[in-house]
Amino acid sequence: MDNLAFKVLCLSFEEATEQPHFEKTSFRVNKKIFATLNIKKNSATLKLSAINQSVFCAFDPGKIKPATGAWGKQGWTLFEISELKDEMIIDALSLSYCSVAPQKLSEKYSKD
């Protein structure tokens, strides 16, 4: 997935907005960040639960890994988006969005 496709996907979630976040672009719902995009590195950082983080990282540790330090321990996970299948990124992004979205919005995207 390229940067533009990732951006479009992030903004396809209901009430998602785009804002600058230091040297990255952040995607938010209800003023909470669910993803950031590093255009120069073609990578994204997504907010996941500890369990979901471990599942995704186990799938491909070279291309999916916890963020460094405390951020990684809080579930922030780095994805090399150009190196992964779109379906995997879509699944992870849906989980990330649902982790911060208000319940009325997350219920629309939850697979449970």
Protein backbone atom coordinates (compact mmCIF):
# COMPACT_ATOMS: atom_id res chain seq x y z
CA MET A 1 0.00 0.00 0.00
CA ASP A 2 1.35 3.42 -0.84
CA ASN A 3 1.09 6.57 1.27
CA LEU A 4 -1.86 8.01 -0.64
CA ALA A 5 -3.89 4.80 -0.38
CA PHE A 6 -3.17 4.66 3.37
CA LYS A 7 -4.29 8.26 3.79
CA VAL A 8 -7.51 7.64 1.86
CA LEU A 9 -8.18 4.53 3.92
CA CYS A 10 -7.68 6.39 7.21
CA LEU A 11 -10.04 9.15 6.14
CA SER A 12 -12.68 6.63 5.05
CA PHE A 13 -13.51 5.96 8.71
CA GLU A 14 -16.46 7.96 9.99
CA GLU A 15 -15.46 11.29 11.59
CA ALA A 16 -11.75 10.68 10.92
CA THR A 17 -9.65 13.80 10.47
CA GLU A 18 -6.11 14.50 9.33
CA GLN A 19 -3.72 16.79 11.21
CA PRO A 20 0.02 17.41 11.27
CA HIS A 21 1.85 15.66 14.11
CA PHE A 22 5.49 16.71 14.34
CA GLU A 23 7.17 15.38 11.15
CA LYS A 24 4.26 12.98 10.50
CA THR A 25 0.61 13.14 9.56
CA SER A 26 -1.85 11.97 12.20
CA PHE A 27 -5.32 10.57 11.75
CA ARG A 28 -7.75 11.14 14.58
CA VAL A 29 -11.25 10.43 15.72
CA ASN A 30 -12.77 12.32 18.62
CA LYS A 31 -9.44 14.22 18.92
CA LYS A 32 -7.58 10.94 19.63
CA ILE A 33 -4.87 9.63 17.32
CA PHE A 34 -5.44 6.16 15.88
CA ALA A 35 -2.67 6.26 13.26
CA THR A 36 0.28 8.30 12.07
CA LEU A 37 1.92 8.22 8.66
CA ASN A 38 5.61 8.81 8.03
CA ILE A 39 5.62 9.70 4.34
CA LYS A 40 9.43 9.67 4.00
CA LYS A 41 9.70 6.11 5.39
CA ASN A 42 6.41 4.85 3.89
CA SER A 43 5.49 3.53 7.33
CA ALA A 44 2.59 3.92 9.70
CA THR A 45 2.20 3.67 13.45
CA LEU A 46 -1.09 2.26 14.73
CA LYS A 47 -2.58 2.06 18.23
CA LEU A 48 -3.36 -1.57 19.10
CA SER A 49 -4.20 -3.54 22.22
CA ALA A 50 -1.32 -5.57 23.68
CA ILE A 51 -2.87 -8.79 22.36
CA ASN A 52 -3.41 -7.44 18.85
CA GLN A 53 0.08 -5.97 18.83
CA SER A 54 1.60 -9.36 19.67
CA VAL A 55 -0.47 -11.12 16.99
CA PHE A 56 0.51 -8.69 14.22
CA CYS A 57 4.17 -8.59 15.29
CA ALA A 58 4.34 -12.39 15.32
CA PHE A 59 3.09 -12.50 11.75
CA ASP A 60 6.07 -10.61 10.32
CA PRO A 61 8.49 -9.23 12.94
CA GLY A 62 10.69 -7.65 10.27
CA LYS A 63 7.89 -5.49 8.91
CA ILE A 64 5.66 -5.07 11.98
CA LYS A 65 7.15 -4.22 15.36
CA PRO A 66 6.33 -2.36 18.57
CA ALA A 67 7.35 1.29 18.65
CA THR A 68 10.41 1.94 20.79
CA GLY A 69 10.20 2.54 24.52
CA ALA A 70 7.02 3.33 26.39
CA TRP A 71 5.08 3.97 23.18
CA GLY A 72 5.45 0.35 22.16
CA LYS A 73 4.39 -0.83 25.60
CA GLN A 74 1.21 1.24 25.17
CA GLY A 75 0.37 -0.64 21.97
CA TRP A 76 1.80 1.69 19.33
CA THR A 77 2.98 -0.53 16.50
CA LEU A 78 5.07 0.27 13.41
CA PHE A 79 3.95 -1.11 10.05
CA GLU A 80 6.05 -1.00 6.87
CA ILE A 81 2.97 -0.36 4.75
CA SER A 82 4.62 -0.78 1.36
CA GLU A 83 5.81 -4.26 2.34
CA LEU A 84 2.52 -5.72 3.63
CA LYS A 85 -0.69 -6.96 2.06
CA ASP A 86 -3.47 -4.41 1.96
CA GLU A 87 -5.85 -6.74 3.81
CA MET A 88 -3.51 -6.89 6.81
CA ILE A 89 -3.19 -3.11 6.95
CA ILE A 90 -6.96 -2.71 6.66
CA ASP A 91 -7.53 -5.16 9.54
CA ALA A 92 -4.95 -3.48 11.76
CA LEU A 93 -6.25 -0.01 10.93
CA SER A 94 -9.82 -1.03 11.76
CA LEU A 95 -8.68 -2.31 15.15
CA SER A 96 -6.72 0.86 15.74
CA TYR A 97 -9.66 3.09 14.86
CA CYS A 98 -11.99 1.07 17.09
CA SER A 99 -9.55 1.30 19.99
CA VAL A 100 -9.99 5.09 20.25
CA ALA A 101 -13.34 5.82 18.56
CA PRO A 102 -16.48 6.41 20.60
CA GLN A 103 -18.51 3.23 21.01
CA LYS A 104 -21.24 4.35 18.58
CA LEU A 105 -18.61 4.65 15.84
CA SER A 106 -16.46 1.64 16.72
CA GLU A 107 -19.50 -0.66 16.62
CA LYS A 108 -19.83 0.11 12.90
CA TYR A 109 -16.35 -1.26 12.17
CA SER A 110 -15.93 -3.96 14.82
CA LYS A 111 -15.78 -7.52 13.53
CA ASP A 112 -16.90 -9.04 16.85
